Amino acid sequence: MRLLIALPFLILLVLFTLSNTTTVHIGLWPTDYGADLPFSIAVLSAMAIAFIAGGLLTWFSALGQRRRARRAEAQVKALEEQLETLRETLRRQEAVLSTPVTASAPLPAIQ
């Protein structure tokens, strides 16, 4: 399924690269560094850098949400354990209270 979606984009990418072979000069302003690259490589490199930057920005912005989700899961687990402990205590108390009381036996102590 992914290939069906990606294939048209890959075909467009290859066609763009083959159609734009004109050389352009790319320079870094405060330095004398520069390079002569095919136009398609320059555009695709800029798009790749923007894509990676956007992915990193999204990943960093989701860190807080993931942290809150982990804390909530830990709290749910602790509350479930506490609930099971309380249920067990209730079962023991009900068992103590449901035993028949005889005149010769002393009353059991409730915890």
PDB file of N, CA and C in Angstrom:
ATOM      1  N   MET A   1       0.828  -1.193   0.000  1.00  0.00           N
ATOM      2  CA  MET A   1       0.000   0.000   0.000  1.00  0.00           C
ATOM      3  C   MET A   1       0.871   1.256   0.000  1.00  0.00           C
ATOM      4  N   ARG A   2       1.923   1.226   0.820  1.00  0.00           N
ATOM      5  CA  ARG A   2       2.809   2.390   0.868  1.00  0.00           C
ATOM      6  C   ARG A   2       3.480   2.624  -0.483  1.00  0.00           C
ATOM      7  N   LEU A   3       3.819   1.531  -1.140  1.00  0.00           N
ATOM      8  CA  LEU A   3       4.470   1.647  -2.436  1.00  0.00           C
ATOM      9  C   LEU A   3       3.539   2.300  -3.451  1.00  0.00           C
ATOM     10  N   LEU A   4       2.254   1.991  -3.394  1.00  0.00           N
ATOM     11  CA  LEU A   4       1.286   2.619  -4.296  1.00  0.00           C
ATOM     12  C   LEU A   4       1.209   4.126  -4.088  1.00  0.00           C
ATOM     13  N   ILE A   5       1.380   4.545  -2.853  1.00  0.00           N
ATOM     14  CA  ILE A   5       1.345   5.981  -2.560  1.00  0.00           C
ATOM     15  C   ILE A   5       2.680   6.636  -2.920  1.00  0.00           C
ATOM     16  N   ALA A   6       3.773   5.964  -2.620  1.00  0.00           N
ATOM     17  CA  ALA A   6       5.099   6.545  -2.833  1.00  0.00           C
ATOM     18  C   ALA A   6       5.533   6.529  -4.290  1.00  0.00           C
ATOM     19  N   LEU A   7       5.073   5.573  -5.062  1.00  0.00           N
ATOM     20  CA  LEU A   7       5.522   5.425  -6.443  1.00  0.00           C
ATOM     21  C   LEU A   7       5.268   6.670  -7.303  1.00  0.00           C
ATOM     22  N   PRO A   8       4.075   7.275  -7.289  1.00  0.00           N
ATOM     23  CA  PRO A   8       3.895   8.498  -8.092  1.00  0.00           C
ATOM     24  C   PRO A   8       4.839   9.632  -7.667  1.00  0.00           C
ATOM     25  N   PHE A   9       5.083   9.761  -6.361  1.00  0.00           N
ATOM     26  CA  PHE A   9       5.995  10.801  -5.898  1.00  0.00           C
ATOM     27  C   PHE A   9       7.436  10.515  -6.335  1.00  0.00           C
ATOM     28  N   LEU A  10       7.819   9.263  -6.310  1.00  0.00           N
ATOM     29  CA  LEU A  10       9.169   8.909  -6.761  1.00  0.00           C
ATOM     30  C   LEU A  10       9.335   9.155  -8.258  1.00  0.00           C
ATOM     31  N   ILE A  11       8.305   8.866  -9.028  1.00  0.00           N
ATOM     32  CA  ILE A  11       8.362   9.133 -10.477  1.00  0.00           C
ATOM     33  C   ILE A  11       8.488  10.625 -10.730  1.00  0.00           C
ATOM     34  N   LEU A  12       7.705  11.437 -10.009  1.00  0.00           N
ATOM     35  CA  LEU A  12       7.815  12.901 -10.153  1.00  0.00           C
ATOM     36  C   LEU A  12       9.197  13.393  -9.747  1.00  0.00           C
ATOM     37  N   LEU A  13       9.764  12.812  -8.700  1.00  0.00           N
ATOM     38  CA  LEU A  13      11.095  13.192  -8.242  1.00  0.00           C
ATOM     39  C   LEU A  13      12.152  12.889  -9.304  1.00  0.00           C
ATOM     40  N   VAL A  14      12.079  11.731  -9.903  1.00  0.00           N
ATOM     41  CA  VAL A  14      13.032  11.359 -10.952  1.00  0.00           C
ATOM     42  C   VAL A  14      12.860  12.264 -12.172  1.00  0.00           C
ATOM     43  N   LEU A  15      11.617  12.524 -12.565  1.00  0.00           N
ATOM     44  CA  LEU A  15      11.374  13.417 -13.707  1.00  0.00           C
ATOM     45  C   LEU A  15      11.884  14.826 -13.428  1.00  0.00           C
ATOM     46  N   PHE A  16      11.685  15.331 -12.221  1.00  0.00           N
ATOM     47  CA  PHE A  16      12.187  16.657 -11.850  1.00  0.00           C
ATOM     48  C   PHE A  16      13.704  16.689 -11.937  1.00  0.00           C
ATOM     49  N   THR A  17      14.357  15.651 -11.427  1.00  0.00           N
ATOM     50  CA  THR A  17      15.819  15.607 -11.435  1.00  0.00           C
ATOM     51  C   THR A  17      16.366  15.544 -12.859  1.00  0.00           C
ATOM     52  N   LEU A  18      15.730  14.754 -13.708  1.00  0.00           N
ATOM     53  CA  LEU A  18      16.198  14.635 -15.083  1.00  0.00           C
ATOM     54  C   LEU A  18      15.904  15.887 -15.913  1.00  0.00           C
ATOM     55  N   SER A  19      14.877  16.631 -15.566  1.00  0.00           N
ATOM     56  CA  SER A  19      14.483  17.808 -16.344  1.00  0.00           C
ATOM     57  C   SER A  19      15.280  19.057 -15.982  1.00  0.00           C
ATOM     58  N   ASN A  20      15.838  19.131 -14.783  1.00  0.00           N
ATOM     59  CA  ASN A  20      16.515  20.340 -14.313  1.00  0.00           C
ATOM     60  C   ASN A  20      17.994  20.075 -14.075  1.00  0.00           C
ATOM     61  N   THR A  21      18.731  20.042 -15.158  1.00  0.00           N
ATOM     62  CA  THR A  21      20.166  19.752 -15.043  1.00  0.00           C
ATOM     63  C   THR A  21      21.027  21.004 -15.144  1.00  0.00           C
ATOM     64  N   THR A  22      20.426  22.171 -15.258  1.00  0.00           N
ATOM     65  CA  THR A  22      21.182  23.417 -15.343  1.00  0.00           C
ATOM     66  C   THR A  22      21.993  23.618 -14.060  1.00  0.00           C
ATOM     67  N   THR A  23      23.235  24.052 -14.219  1.00  0.00           N
ATOM     68  CA  THR A  23      24.104  24.260 -13.072  1.00  0.00           C
ATOM     69  C   THR A  23      23.853  25.640 -12.471  1.00  0.00           C
ATOM     70  N   VAL A  24      23.753  25.687 -11.150  1.00  0.00           N
ATOM     71  CA  VAL A  24      23.598  26.950 -10.428  1.00  0.00           C
ATOM     72  C   VAL A  24      24.720  27.040  -9.396  1.00  0.00           C
ATOM     73  N   HIS A  25      25.073  28.277  -9.044  1.00  0.00           N
ATOM     74  CA  HIS A  25      26.107  28.491  -8.039  1.00  0.00           C
ATOM     75  C   HIS A  25      25.412  28.756  -6.707  1.00  0.00           C
ATOM     76  N   ILE A  26      25.737  27.959  -5.727  1.00  0.00           N
ATOM     77  CA  ILE A  26      25.188  28.112  -4.380  1.00  0.00           C
ATOM     78  C   ILE A  26      26.325  28.596  -3.500  1.00  0.00           C
ATOM     79  N   GLY A  27      26.111  29.743  -2.837  1.00  0.00           N
ATOM     80  CA  GLY A  27      27.141  30.307  -1.969  1.00  0.00           C
ATOM     81  C   GLY A  27      26.628  30.516  -0.565  1.00  0.00           C
ATOM     82  N   LEU A  28      27.529  30.441   0.392  1.00  0.00           N
ATOM     83  CA  LEU A  28      27.204  30.693   1.789  1.00  0.00           C
ATOM     84  C   LEU A  28      27.695  32.092   2.108  1.00  0.00           C
ATOM     85  N   TRP A  29      26.782  33.000   2.397  1.00  0.00           N
ATOM     86  CA  TRP A  29      27.026  34.428   2.438  1.00  0.00           C
ATOM     87  C   TRP A  29      28.221  34.900   3.263  1.00  0.00           C
ATOM     88  N   PRO A  30      28.319  34.611   4.545  1.00  0.00           N
ATOM     89  CA  PRO A  30      29.430  35.247   5.261  1.00  0.00           C
ATOM     90  C   PRO A  30      30.784  34.648   4.922  1.00  0.00           C
ATOM     91  N   THR A  31      30.825  33.565   4.215  1.00  0.00           N
ATOM     92  CA  THR A  31      32.103  32.947   3.861  1.00  0.00           C
ATOM     93  C   THR A  31      32.274  32.974   2.340  1.00  0.00           C
ATOM     94  N   ASP A  32      33.417  32.535   1.900  1.00  0.00           N
ATOM     95  CA  ASP A  32      33.663  32.460   0.464  1.00  0.00           C
ATOM     96  C   ASP A  32      33.311  31.082  -0.091  1.00  0.00           C
ATOM     97  N   TYR A  33      32.691  30.249   0.765  1.00  0.00           N
ATOM     98  CA  TYR A  33      32.356  28.899   0.325  1.00  0.00           C
ATOM     99  C   TYR A  33      31.244  28.942  -0.707  1.00  0.00           C
ATOM    100  N   GLY A  34      31.413  28.191  -1.765  1.00  0.00           N
ATOM    101  CA  GLY A  34      30.395  28.103  -2.800  1.00  0.00           C
ATOM    102  C   GLY A  34      30.543  26.809  -3.553  1.00  0.00           C
ATOM    103  N   ALA A  35      29.480  26.425  -4.227  1.00  0.00           N
ATOM    104  CA  ALA A  35      29.520  25.182  -4.987  1.00  0.00           C
ATOM    105  C   ALA A  35      28.639  25.327  -6.215  1.00  0.00           C
ATOM    106  N   ASP A  36      29.053  24.701  -7.295  1.00  0.00           N
ATOM    107  CA  ASP A  36      28.245  24.648  -8.508  1.00  0.00           C
ATOM    108  C   ASP A  36      27.540  23.292  -8.538  1.00  0.00           C
ATOM    109  N   LEU A  37      26.211  23.347  -8.435  1.00  0.00           N
ATOM    110  CA  LEU A  37      25.409  22.128  -8.374  1.00  0.00           C
ATOM    111  C   LEU A  37      24.330  22.160  -9.445  1.00  0.00           C
ATOM    112  N   PRO A  38      23.866  20.996  -9.866  1.00  0.00           N
ATOM    113  CA  PRO A  38      22.686  20.988 -10.727  1.00  0.00           C
ATOM    114  C   PRO A  38      21.488  21.562  -9.960  1.00  0.00           C
ATOM    115  N   PHE A  39      20.634  22.284 -10.654  1.00  0.00           N
ATOM    116  CA  PHE A  39      19.490  22.940 -10.021  1.00  0.00           C
ATOM    117  C   PHE A  39      18.637  21.938  -9.239  1.00  0.00           C
ATOM    118  N   SER A  40      18.414  20.770  -9.805  1.00  0.00           N
ATOM    119  CA  SER A  40      17.561  19.787  -9.140  1.00  0.00           C
ATOM    120  C   SER A  40      18.158  19.328  -7.815  1.00  0.00           C
ATOM    121  N   ILE A  41      19.477  19.151  -7.776  1.00  0.00           N
ATOM    122  CA  ILE A  41      20.126  18.729  -6.535  1.00  0.00           C
ATOM    123  C   ILE A  41      20.023  19.835  -5.489  1.00  0.00           C
ATOM    124  N   ALA A  42      20.187  21.080  -5.902  1.00  0.00           N
ATOM    125  CA  ALA A  42      20.079  22.196  -4.966  1.00  0.00           C
ATOM    126  C   ALA A  42      18.674  22.275  -4.373  1.00  0.00           C
ATOM    127  N   VAL A  43      17.652  22.148  -5.202  1.00  0.00           N
ATOM    128  CA  VAL A  43      16.276  22.230  -4.716  1.00  0.00           C
ATOM    129  C   VAL A  43      15.947  21.029  -3.830  1.00  0.00           C
ATOM    130  N   LEU A  44      16.320  19.842  -4.270  1.00  0.00           N
ATOM    131  CA  LEU A  44      16.017  18.649  -3.476  1.00  0.00           C
ATOM    132  C   LEU A  44      16.771  18.649  -2.146  1.00  0.00           C
ATOM    133  N   SER A  45      17.978  19.176  -2.118  1.00  0.00           N
ATOM    134  CA  SER A  45      18.730  19.270  -0.866  1.00  0.00           C
ATOM    135  C   SER A  45      18.045  20.225   0.100  1.00  0.00           C
ATOM    136  N   ALA A  46      17.584  21.364  -0.417  1.00  0.00           N
ATOM    137  CA  ALA A  46      16.864  22.321   0.428  1.00  0.00           C
ATOM    138  C   ALA A  46      15.572  21.699   0.961  1.00  0.00           C
ATOM    139  N   MET A  47      14.872  20.945   0.127  1.00  0.00           N
ATOM    140  CA  MET A  47      13.640  20.287   0.569  1.00  0.00           C
ATOM    141  C   MET A  47      13.947  19.228   1.632  1.00  0.00           C
ATOM    142  N   ALA A  48      15.028  18.488   1.473  1.00  0.00           N
ATOM    143  CA  ALA A  48      15.400  17.457   2.446  1.00  0.00           C
ATOM    144  C   ALA A  48      15.757  18.086   3.790  1.00  0.00           C
ATOM    145  N   ILE A  49      16.498  19.185   3.754  1.00  0.00           N
ATOM    146  CA  ILE A  49      16.861  19.876   4.993  1.00  0.00           C
ATOM    147  C   ILE A  49      15.611  20.395   5.690  1.00  0.00           C
ATOM    148  N   ALA A  50      14.683  20.972   4.937  1.00  0.00           N
ATOM    149  CA  ALA A  50      13.441  21.471   5.526  1.00  0.00           C
ATOM    150  C   ALA A  50      12.600  20.327   6.095  1.00  0.00           C
ATOM    151  N   PHE A  51      12.555  19.196   5.406  1.00  0.00           N
ATOM    152  CA  PHE A  51      11.806  18.046   5.877  1.00  0.00           C
ATOM    153  C   PHE A  51      12.374  17.520   7.197  1.00  0.00           C
ATOM    154  N   ILE A  52      13.691  17.407   7.271  1.00  0.00           N
ATOM    155  CA  ILE A  52      14.340  16.912   8.486  1.00  0.00           C
ATOM    156  C   ILE A  52      14.141  17.897   9.633  1.00  0.00           C
ATOM    157  N   ALA A  53      14.258  19.191   9.348  1.00  0.00           N
ATOM    158  CA  ALA A  53      14.050  20.196  10.393  1.00  0.00           C
ATOM    159  C   ALA A  53      12.610  20.146  10.912  1.00  0.00           C
ATOM    160  N   GLY A  54      11.647  19.998  10.023  1.00  0.00           N
ATOM    161  CA  GLY A  54      10.255  19.894  10.439  1.00  0.00           C
ATOM    162  C   GLY A  54       9.998  18.649  11.266  1.00  0.00           C
ATOM    163  N   GLY A  55      10.601  17.537  10.875  1.00  0.00           N
ATOM    164  CA  GLY A  55      10.454  16.302  11.650  1.00  0.00           C
ATOM    165  C   GLY A  55      11.043  16.425  13.044  1.00  0.00           C
ATOM    166  N   LEU A  56      12.216  17.031  13.140  1.00  0.00           N
ATOM    167  CA  LEU A  56      12.831  17.236  14.453  1.00  0.00           C
ATOM    168  C   LEU A  56      12.000  18.179  15.314  1.00  0.00           C
ATOM    169  N   LEU A  57      11.475  19.234  14.733  1.00  0.00           N
ATOM    170  CA  LEU A  57      10.640  20.174  15.471  1.00  0.00           C
ATOM    171  C   LEU A  57       9.387  19.477  16.002  1.00  0.00           C
ATOM    172  N   THR A  58       8.769  18.662  15.182  1.00  0.00           N
ATOM    173  CA  THR A  58       7.578  17.925  15.610  1.00  0.00           C
ATOM    174  C   THR A  58       7.926  16.927  16.702  1.00  0.00           C
ATOM    175  N   TRP A  59       9.041  16.236  16.556  1.00  0.00           N
ATOM    176  CA  TRP A  59       9.449  15.251  17.548  1.00  0.00           C
ATOM    177  C   TRP A  59       9.713  15.912  18.903  1.00  0.00           C
ATOM    178  N   PHE A  60      10.440  17.050  18.891  1.00  0.00           N
ATOM    179  CA  PHE A  60      10.728  17.749  20.142  1.00  0.00           C
ATOM    180  C   PHE A  60       9.465  18.314  20.777  1.00  0.00           C
ATOM    181  N   SER A  61       8.522  18.776  19.974  1.00  0.00           N
ATOM    182  CA  SER A  61       7.290  19.327  20.552  1.00  0.00           C
ATOM    183  C   SER A  61       6.420  18.234  21.163  1.00  0.00           C
ATOM    184  N   ALA A  62       6.568  16.994  20.718  1.00  0.00           N
ATOM    185  CA  ALA A  62       5.772  15.886  21.256  1.00  0.00           C
ATOM    186  C   ALA A  62       6.408  15.259  22.495  1.00  0.00           C
ATOM    187  N   LEU A  63       7.615  15.668  22.856  1.00  0.00           N
ATOM    188  CA  LEU A  63       8.273  15.085  24.026  1.00  0.00           C
ATOM    189  C   LEU A  63       7.452  15.287  25.295  1.00  0.00           C
ATOM    190  N   GLY A  64       6.906  16.459  25.486  1.00  0.00           N
ATOM    191  CA  GLY A  64       6.099  16.744  26.677  1.00  0.00           C
ATOM    192  C   GLY A  64       4.864  15.866  26.751  1.00  0.00           C
ATOM    193  N   GLN A  65       4.221  15.660  25.616  1.00  0.00           N
ATOM    194  CA  GLN A  65       3.029  14.818  25.596  1.00  0.00           C
ATOM    195  C   GLN A  65       3.376  13.375  25.924  1.00  0.00           C
ATOM    196  N   ARG A  66       4.478  12.888  25.390  1.00  0.00           N
ATOM    197  CA  ARG A  66       4.884  11.515  25.681  1.00  0.00           C
ATOM    198  C   ARG A  66       5.242  11.354  27.156  1.00  0.00           C
ATOM    199  N   ARG A  67       5.887  12.360  27.733  1.00  0.00           N
ATOM    200  CA  ARG A  67       6.243  12.321  29.153  1.00  0.00           C
ATOM    201  C   ARG A  67       4.977  12.275  30.010  1.00  0.00           C
ATOM    202  N   ARG A  68       3.982  13.119  29.673  1.00  0.00           N
ATOM    203  CA  ARG A  68       2.728  13.112  30.426  1.00  0.00           C
ATOM    204  C   ARG A  68       2.006  11.776  30.277  1.00  0.00           C
ATOM    205  N   ALA A  69       2.056  11.177  29.108  1.00  0.00           N
ATOM    206  CA  ALA A  69       1.403   9.882  28.892  1.00  0.00           C
ATOM    207  C   ALA A  69       2.068   8.801  29.734  1.00  0.00           C
ATOM    208  N   ARG A  70       3.401   8.799  29.812  1.00  0.00           N
ATOM    209  CA  ARG A  70       4.097   7.808  30.637  1.00  0.00           C
ATOM    210  C   ARG A  70       3.742   7.974  32.112  1.00  0.00           C
ATOM    211  N   ARG A  71       3.671   9.232  32.576  1.00  0.00           N
ATOM    212  CA  ARG A  71       3.300   9.477  33.971  1.00  0.00           C
ATOM    213  C   ARG A  71       1.875   9.015  34.240  1.00  0.00           C
ATOM    214  N   ALA A  72       0.968   9.277  33.311  1.00  0.00           N
ATOM    215  CA  ALA A  72      -0.419   8.859  33.486  1.00  0.00           C
ATOM    216  C   ALA A  72      -0.526   7.340  33.519  1.00  0.00           C
ATOM    217  N   GLU A  73       0.223   6.643  32.668  1.00  0.00           N
ATOM    218  CA  GLU A  73       0.206   5.183  32.679  1.00  0.00           C
ATOM    219  C   GLU A  73       0.740   4.642  33.996  1.00  0.00           C
ATOM    220  N   ALA A  74       1.794   5.248  34.530  1.00  0.00           N
ATOM    221  CA  ALA A  74       2.341   4.802  35.809  1.00  0.00           C
ATOM    222  C   ALA A  74       1.335   5.047  36.937  1.00  0.00           C
ATOM    223  N   GLN A  75       0.638   6.170  36.876  1.00  0.00           N
ATOM    224  CA  GLN A  75      -0.354   6.476  37.899  1.00  0.00           C
ATOM    225  C   GLN A  75      -1.529   5.505  37.819  1.00  0.00           C
ATOM    226  N   VAL A  76      -1.958   5.167  36.616  1.00  0.00           N
ATOM    227  CA  VAL A  76      -3.045   4.199  36.450  1.00  0.00           C
ATOM    228  C   VAL A  76      -2.628   2.848  37.014  1.00  0.00           C
ATOM    229  N   LYS A  77      -1.407   2.432  36.739  1.00  0.00           N
ATOM    230  CA  LYS A  77      -0.923   1.149  37.250  1.00  0.00           C
ATOM    231  C   LYS A  77      -0.899   1.163  38.779  1.00  0.00           C
ATOM    232  N   ALA A  78      -0.414   2.245  39.379  1.00  0.00           N
ATOM    233  CA  ALA A  78      -0.374   2.337  40.842  1.00  0.00           C
ATOM    234  C   ALA A  78      -1.785   2.315  41.425  1.00  0.00           C
ATOM    235  N   LEU A  79      -2.718   3.017  40.798  1.00  0.00           N
ATOM    236  CA  LEU A  79      -4.091   3.031  41.289  1.00  0.00           C
ATOM    237  C   LEU A  79      -4.761   1.668  41.137  1.00  0.00           C
ATOM    238  N   GLU A  80      -4.458   0.948  40.056  1.00  0.00           N
ATOM    239  CA  GLU A  80      -5.010  -0.399  39.889  1.00  0.00           C
ATOM    240  C   GLU A  80      -4.479  -1.341  40.968  1.00  0.00           C
ATOM    241  N   GLU A  81      -3.192  -1.221  41.312  1.00  0.00           N
ATOM    242  CA  GLU A  81      -2.622  -2.035  42.376  1.00  0.00           C
ATOM    243  C   GLU A  81      -3.273  -1.701  43.713  1.00  0.00           C
ATOM    244  N   GLN A  82      -3.486  -0.417  43.955  1.00  0.00           N
ATOM    245  CA  GLN A  82      -4.135   0.005  45.191  1.00  0.00           C
ATOM    246  C   GLN A  82      -5.569  -0.512  45.244  1.00  0.00           C
ATOM    247  N   LEU A  83      -6.274  -0.470  44.131  1.00  0.00           N
ATOM    248  CA  LEU A  83      -7.643  -0.973  44.067  1.00  0.00           C
ATOM    249  C   LEU A  83      -7.677  -2.470  44.354  1.00  0.00           C
ATOM    250  N   GLU A  84      -6.742  -3.222  43.804  1.00  0.00           N
ATOM    251  CA  GLU A  84      -6.701  -4.669  44.057  1.00  0.00           C
ATOM    252  C   GLU A  84      -6.410  -4.952  45.524  1.00  0.00           C
ATOM    253  N   THR A  85      -5.528  -4.176  46.132  1.00  0.00           N
ATOM    254  CA  THR A  85      -5.245  -4.332  47.564  1.00  0.00           C
ATOM    255  C   THR A  85      -6.490  -4.063  48.389  1.00  0.00           C
ATOM    256  N   LEU A  86      -7.207  -3.011  48.059  1.00  0.00           N
ATOM    257  CA  LEU A  86      -8.433  -2.678  48.796  1.00  0.00           C
ATOM    258  C   LEU A  86      -9.506  -3.747  48.604  1.00  0.00           C
ATOM    259  N   ARG A  87      -9.612  -4.293  47.414  1.00  0.00           N
ATOM    260  CA  ARG A  87     -10.586  -5.363  47.171  1.00  0.00           C
ATOM    261  C   ARG A  87     -10.248  -6.601  47.997  1.00  0.00           C
ATOM    262  N   GLU A  88      -8.958  -6.930  48.067  1.00  0.00           N
ATOM    263  CA  GLU A  88      -8.535  -8.087  48.859  1.00  0.00           C
ATOM    264  C   GLU A  88      -8.831  -7.852  50.335  1.00  0.00           C
ATOM    265  N   THR A  89      -8.587  -6.666  50.824  1.00  0.00           N
ATOM    266  CA  THR A  89      -8.897  -6.332  52.213  1.00  0.00           C
ATOM    267  C   THR A  89     -10.394  -6.456  52.463  1.00  0.00           C
ATOM    268  N   LEU A  90     -11.195  -5.977  51.548  1.00  0.00           N
ATOM    269  CA  LEU A  90     -12.645  -6.071  51.679  1.00  0.00           C
ATOM    270  C   LEU A  90     -13.105  -7.529  51.688  1.00  0.00           C
ATOM    271  N   ARG A  91     -12.525  -8.366  50.830  1.00  0.00           N
ATOM    272  CA  ARG A  91     -12.879  -9.791  50.810  1.00  0.00           C
ATOM    273  C   ARG A  91     -12.543 -10.459  52.141  1.00  0.00           C
ATOM    274  N   ARG A  92     -11.374 -10.128  52.696  1.00  0.00           N
ATOM    275  CA  ARG A  92     -10.993 -10.717  53.989  1.00  0.00           C
ATOM    276  C   ARG A  92     -11.941 -10.269  55.095  1.00  0.00           C
ATOM    277  N   GLN A  93     -12.318  -8.997  55.104  1.00  0.00           N
ATOM    278  CA  GLN A  93     -13.237  -8.510  56.136  1.00  0.00           C
ATOM    279  C   GLN A  93     -14.614  -9.126  55.975  1.00  0.00           C
ATOM    280  N   GLU A  94     -15.075  -9.299  54.740  1.00  0.00           N
ATOM    281  CA  GLU A  94     -16.374  -9.939  54.525  1.00  0.00           C
ATOM    282  C   GLU A  94     -16.335 -11.392  54.977  1.00  0.00           C
ATOM    283  N   ALA A  95     -15.208 -12.069  54.754  1.00  0.00           N
ATOM    284  CA  ALA A  95     -15.073 -13.458  55.192  1.00  0.00           C
ATOM    285  C   ALA A  95     -15.105 -13.543  56.710  1.00  0.00           C
ATOM    286  N   VAL A  96     -14.463 -12.593  57.381  1.00  0.00           N
ATOM    287  CA  VAL A  96     -14.457 -12.582  58.845  1.00  0.00           C
ATOM    288  C   VAL A  96     -15.861 -12.316  59.367  1.00  0.00           C
ATOM    289  N   LEU A  97     -16.560 -11.381  58.742  1.00  0.00           N
ATOM    290  CA  LEU A  97     -17.902 -11.022  59.215  1.00  0.00           C
ATOM    291  C   LEU A  97     -18.939 -12.086  58.891  1.00  0.00           C
ATOM    292  N   SER A  98     -18.699 -12.903  57.895  1.00  0.00           N
ATOM    293  CA  SER A  98     -19.692 -13.910  57.509  1.00  0.00           C
ATOM    294  C   SER A  98     -19.560 -15.205  58.291  1.00  0.00           C
ATOM    295  N   THR A  99     -18.506 -15.366  59.096  1.00  0.00           N
ATOM    296  CA  THR A  99     -18.378 -16.585  59.892  1.00  0.00           C
ATOM    297  C   THR A  99     -19.415 -16.553  61.012  1.00  0.00           C
ATOM    298  N   PRO A 100     -20.057 -17.713  61.306  1.00  0.00           N
ATOM    299  CA  PRO A 100     -21.074 -17.741  62.364  1.00  0.00           C
ATOM    300  C   PRO A 100     -20.434 -17.552  63.735  1.00  0.00           C
ATOM    301  N   VAL A 101     -21.111 -16.833  64.570  1.00  0.00           N
ATOM    302  CA  VAL A 101     -20.617 -16.555  65.920  1.00  0.00           C
ATOM    303  C   VAL A 101     -21.264 -17.552  66.869  1.00  0.00           C
ATOM    304  N   THR A 102     -20.448 -18.253  67.627  1.00  0.00           N
ATOM    305  CA  THR A 102     -20.957 -19.184  68.633  1.00  0.00           C
ATOM    306  C   THR A 102     -20.717 -18.603  70.014  1.00  0.00           C
ATOM    307  N   ALA A 103     -21.413 -19.101  70.971  1.00  0.00           N
ATOM    308  CA  ALA A 103     -21.310 -18.578  72.330  1.00  0.00           C
ATOM    309  C   ALA A 103     -19.947 -18.878  72.947  1.00  0.00           C
ATOM    310  N   SER A 104     -19.303 -19.968  72.538  1.00  0.00           N
ATOM    311  CA  SER A 104     -18.046 -20.342  73.176  1.00  0.00           C
ATOM    312  C   SER A 104     -16.841 -19.619  72.545  1.00  0.00           C
ATOM    313  N   ALA A 105     -16.984 -19.167  71.310  1.00  0.00           N
ATOM    314  CA  ALA A 105     -15.845 -18.536  70.631  1.00  0.00           C
ATOM    315  C   ALA A 105     -15.932 -17.026  70.792  1.00  0.00           C
ATOM    316  N   PRO A 106     -14.774 -16.391  71.046  1.00  0.00           N
ATOM    317  CA  PRO A 106     -14.784 -14.901  71.150  1.00  0.00           C
ATOM    318  C   PRO A 106     -14.973 -14.279  69.763  1.00  0.00           C
ATOM    319  N   LEU A 107     -15.449 -13.075  69.724  1.00  0.00           N
ATOM    320  CA  LEU A 107     -15.658 -12.344  68.466  1.00  0.00           C
ATOM    321  C   LEU A 107     -14.312 -12.040  67.821  1.00  0.00           C
ATOM    322  N   PRO A 108     -14.199 -12.217  66.510  1.00  0.00           N
ATOM    323  CA  PRO A 108     -12.934 -11.889  65.843  1.00  0.00           C
ATOM    324  C   PRO A 108     -12.727 -10.368  65.792  1.00  0.00           C
ATOM    325  N   ALA A 109     -11.491  -9.992  65.846  1.00  0.00           N
ATOM    326  CA  ALA A 109     -11.160  -8.556  65.774  1.00  0.00           C
ATOM    327  C   ALA A 109     -11.165  -8.117  64.321  1.00  0.00           C
ATOM    328  N   ILE A 110     -11.787  -7.000  64.054  1.00  0.00           N
ATOM    329  CA  ILE A 110     -11.813  -6.426  62.708  1.00  0.00           C
ATOM    330  C   ILE A 110     -10.619  -5.517  62.552  1.00  0.00           C
ATOM    331  N   GLN A 111      -9.916  -5.691  61.493  1.00  0.00           N
ATOM    332  CA  GLN A 111      -8.695  -4.921  61.266  1.00  0.00           C
ATOM    333  C   GLN A 111      -9.020  -3.553  60.742  1.00  0.00           C
TER     334      GLN A 111
END
